[in-house]
Amino acid sequence: MSIDVYDQTIAAMSRALLNLDAIVSKAEAYAEERKIEPSVLVQARLFPDMLPFVAQIRIATDTAKGAAARLAGGDLPSWPDDETNFEEVHARIRKALDFMAGFKRDQFEGSEEKEIELKLGKEHVKFSGREYILGFVLPNFYFHVTTAYAILRHNGVPLGKRDFLGARD
């Protein structure tokens, strides 16, 4: 059984990143309305040993750009992890969306069978494209998008499931 790689990765992650960008806008408005220093939310965590909100954004966008480049056989850009405010968080999400928009559906044909190798910590892991998408990319991506949502919700930003899912097409 084959999967449509473009729809499962580029289209799905682009939609989630657009929704995440709208969630960040709600957090920005909440901080302004409540007179909360924005860096408090940008650096917020669910628990002291977890990564902060901004790191969740970085990992989600890195996962998305990495999947696009690896599956399509393109160059994987390296971006600095230096965002400190909402404006820079928006810019990071937009950069990921723009990067993914540069790929065409036909660039992903057959990539479910492609061999993908990643260095995870000290370990090198090999996947088929299908295993990479279903067992690594999508779970990792949605974990970090969900955690970013949860951090903001935990800090009082008025978000609901519809914010996470976004508007229906």
Protein backbone atom coordinates (compact mmCIF):
# COMPACT_ATOMS: atom_id res chain seq x y z
CA MET A 1 0.00 0.00 0.00
CA SER A 2 1.49 3.32 -0.99
CA ILE A 3 0.85 6.69 0.57
CA ASP A 4 0.77 10.07 -1.09
CA VAL A 5 3.94 11.46 0.41
CA TYR A 6 3.23 15.06 -0.52
CA ASP A 7 -0.20 15.07 1.14
CA GLN A 8 1.04 13.20 4.21
CA THR A 9 3.99 15.53 4.76
CA ILE A 10 4.08 18.88 2.98
CA ALA A 11 0.33 19.52 2.86
CA ALA A 12 -0.38 18.21 6.38
CA MET A 13 2.55 19.94 8.07
CA SER A 14 1.94 23.20 6.20
CA ARG A 15 -1.63 23.28 7.47
CA ALA A 16 -0.47 22.55 11.03
CA LEU A 17 2.16 25.28 10.84
CA LEU A 18 -0.41 27.80 9.59
CA ASN A 19 -2.61 26.85 12.54
CA LEU A 20 0.37 27.15 14.87
CA ASP A 21 1.12 30.61 13.51
CA ALA A 22 -2.47 31.65 14.29
CA ILE A 23 -2.06 30.22 17.81
CA VAL A 24 1.10 32.29 18.25
CA SER A 25 -0.90 35.37 17.22
CA LYS A 26 -3.45 34.56 19.92
CA ALA A 27 -0.64 34.23 22.47
CA GLU A 28 0.76 37.56 21.36
CA ALA A 29 -2.62 39.27 21.77
CA TYR A 30 -3.14 37.58 25.16
CA ALA A 31 0.24 38.80 26.42
CA GLU A 32 -0.53 42.34 25.29
CA GLU A 33 -4.04 42.31 26.76
CA ARG A 34 -2.85 40.90 30.10
CA LYS A 35 0.32 43.00 30.16
CA ILE A 36 2.47 39.88 30.30
CA GLU A 37 6.06 40.29 29.13
CA PRO A 38 6.07 38.27 25.86
CA SER A 39 9.33 36.53 26.75
CA VAL A 40 7.49 34.85 29.64
CA LEU A 41 5.35 32.94 27.15
CA VAL A 42 8.12 32.45 24.60
CA GLN A 43 10.26 30.80 27.30
CA ALA A 44 7.39 29.05 29.13
CA ARG A 45 7.59 25.33 29.89
CA LEU A 46 5.12 22.73 31.09
CA PHE A 47 7.66 21.38 33.56
CA PRO A 48 11.19 22.54 34.50
CA ASP A 49 12.95 19.67 32.71
CA MET A 50 11.02 20.16 29.45
CA LEU A 51 12.04 22.38 26.57
CA PRO A 52 10.41 25.83 26.38
CA PHE A 53 7.77 26.96 23.91
CA VAL A 54 10.31 28.47 21.51
CA ALA A 55 12.23 25.17 21.34
CA GLN A 56 9.00 23.36 20.44
CA ILE A 57 8.60 25.78 17.51
CA ARG A 58 12.21 25.23 16.42
CA ILE A 59 11.94 21.45 16.51
CA ALA A 60 8.58 21.41 14.70
CA THR A 61 9.92 23.64 11.91
CA ASP A 62 13.19 21.69 11.71
CA THR A 63 11.24 18.45 11.42
CA ALA A 64 9.08 19.88 8.63
CA LYS A 65 11.96 21.32 6.58
CA GLY A 66 14.03 18.17 7.15
CA ALA A 67 11.26 15.91 5.93
CA ALA A 68 10.70 18.02 2.83
CA ALA A 69 14.39 18.14 1.91
CA ARG A 70 15.18 14.50 2.67
CA LEU A 71 12.13 13.03 0.95
CA ALA A 72 12.43 15.23 -2.14
CA GLY A 73 16.21 14.94 -2.34
CA GLY A 74 16.80 18.67 -1.85
CA ASP A 75 19.31 20.58 0.20
CA LEU A 76 18.61 20.82 3.92
CA PRO A 77 19.08 24.39 5.11
CA SER A 78 20.56 25.14 8.51
CA TRP A 79 18.85 27.86 10.49
CA PRO A 80 20.12 29.47 13.70
CA ASP A 81 18.05 28.81 16.79
CA ASP A 82 17.99 32.39 18.00
CA GLU A 83 14.33 33.38 18.26
CA THR A 84 13.55 35.35 21.42
CA ASN A 85 10.19 36.99 20.73
CA PHE A 86 6.87 36.44 18.96
CA GLU A 87 7.94 38.33 15.84
CA GLU A 88 10.89 35.99 15.40
CA VAL A 89 8.72 32.94 16.13
CA HIS A 90 6.31 34.04 13.38
CA ALA A 91 9.28 34.56 11.04
CA ARG A 92 10.59 31.04 11.78
CA ILE A 93 7.22 29.48 11.02
CA ARG A 94 6.91 31.56 7.84
CA LYS A 95 10.41 30.52 6.75
CA ALA A 96 9.45 26.84 7.14
CA LEU A 97 6.21 27.38 5.21
CA ASP A 98 8.04 29.21 2.43
CA PHE A 99 10.68 26.48 2.25
CA MET A 100 8.07 23.73 1.97
CA ALA A 101 6.10 25.72 -0.62
CA GLY A 102 9.16 25.52 -2.88
CA PHE A 103 8.62 21.78 -3.40
CA LYS A 104 6.32 20.29 -6.00
CA ARG A 105 4.22 17.15 -5.61
CA ASP A 106 6.15 15.23 -8.27
CA GLN A 107 9.41 15.63 -6.33
CA PHE A 108 8.05 13.16 -3.77
CA GLU A 109 7.05 10.39 -6.18
CA GLY A 110 8.56 7.11 -5.01
CA SER A 111 10.08 8.64 -1.90
CA GLU A 112 8.17 6.23 0.33
CA GLU A 113 10.75 3.63 -0.78
CA LYS A 114 13.74 5.96 -0.50
CA GLU A 115 16.35 5.15 2.15
CA ILE A 116 16.65 7.90 4.76
CA GLU A 117 19.51 7.95 7.25
CA LEU A 118 19.53 10.21 10.31
CA LYS A 119 21.95 10.78 13.12
CA LEU A 120 19.93 10.74 16.34
CA GLY A 121 22.29 11.54 19.16
CA LYS A 122 25.24 9.17 18.76
CA GLU A 123 23.21 6.68 16.77
CA HIS A 124 22.71 6.44 13.00
CA VAL A 125 19.23 5.22 12.10
CA LYS A 126 18.07 4.07 8.68
CA PHE A 127 14.46 4.22 7.56
CA SER A 128 12.53 3.59 4.39
CA GLY A 129 10.72 6.77 3.37
CA ARG A 130 7.47 5.23 4.60
CA GLU A 131 8.96 4.34 8.01
CA TYR A 132 10.54 7.79 8.23
CA ILE A 133 7.22 9.54 7.57
CA LEU A 134 4.94 7.37 9.68
CA GLY A 135 7.30 6.37 12.49
CA PHE A 136 9.42 9.50 12.90
CA VAL A 137 8.42 12.66 11.04
CA LEU A 138 4.71 12.84 11.78
CA PRO A 139 4.84 11.67 15.42
CA ASN A 140 7.78 13.99 16.16
CA PHE A 141 6.24 16.95 14.35
CA TYR A 142 2.83 16.65 16.01
CA PHE A 143 4.39 16.02 19.43
CA HIS A 144 6.15 19.40 19.27
CA VAL A 145 3.20 21.29 17.75
CA THR A 146 0.92 19.83 20.44
CA THR A 147 3.40 20.64 23.19
CA ALA A 148 3.68 24.25 21.96
CA TYR A 149 -0.13 24.47 22.06
CA ALA A 150 -0.22 22.90 25.55
CA ILE A 151 2.39 25.30 26.94
CA LEU A 152 0.38 28.31 25.81
CA ARG A 153 -2.91 26.82 26.99
CA HIS A 154 -1.35 25.98 30.35
CA ASN A 155 -0.32 29.63 30.64
CA GLY A 156 -3.88 30.85 30.14
CA VAL A 157 -3.95 31.63 26.41
CA PRO A 158 -7.61 31.04 25.45
CA LEU A 159 -7.17 28.21 22.95
CA GLY A 160 -9.36 25.30 22.02
CA LYS A 161 -9.30 22.27 19.79
CA ARG A 162 -10.53 24.34 16.83
CA ASP A 163 -7.43 26.51 17.10
CA PHE A 164 -5.24 23.41 16.87
CA LEU A 165 -7.21 21.91 13.98
CA GLY A 166 -7.71 25.20 12.15
CA ALA A 167 -10.51 26.26 9.87
CA ARG A 168 -12.08 23.67 7.62
CA ASP A 169 -11.21 24.01 3.97
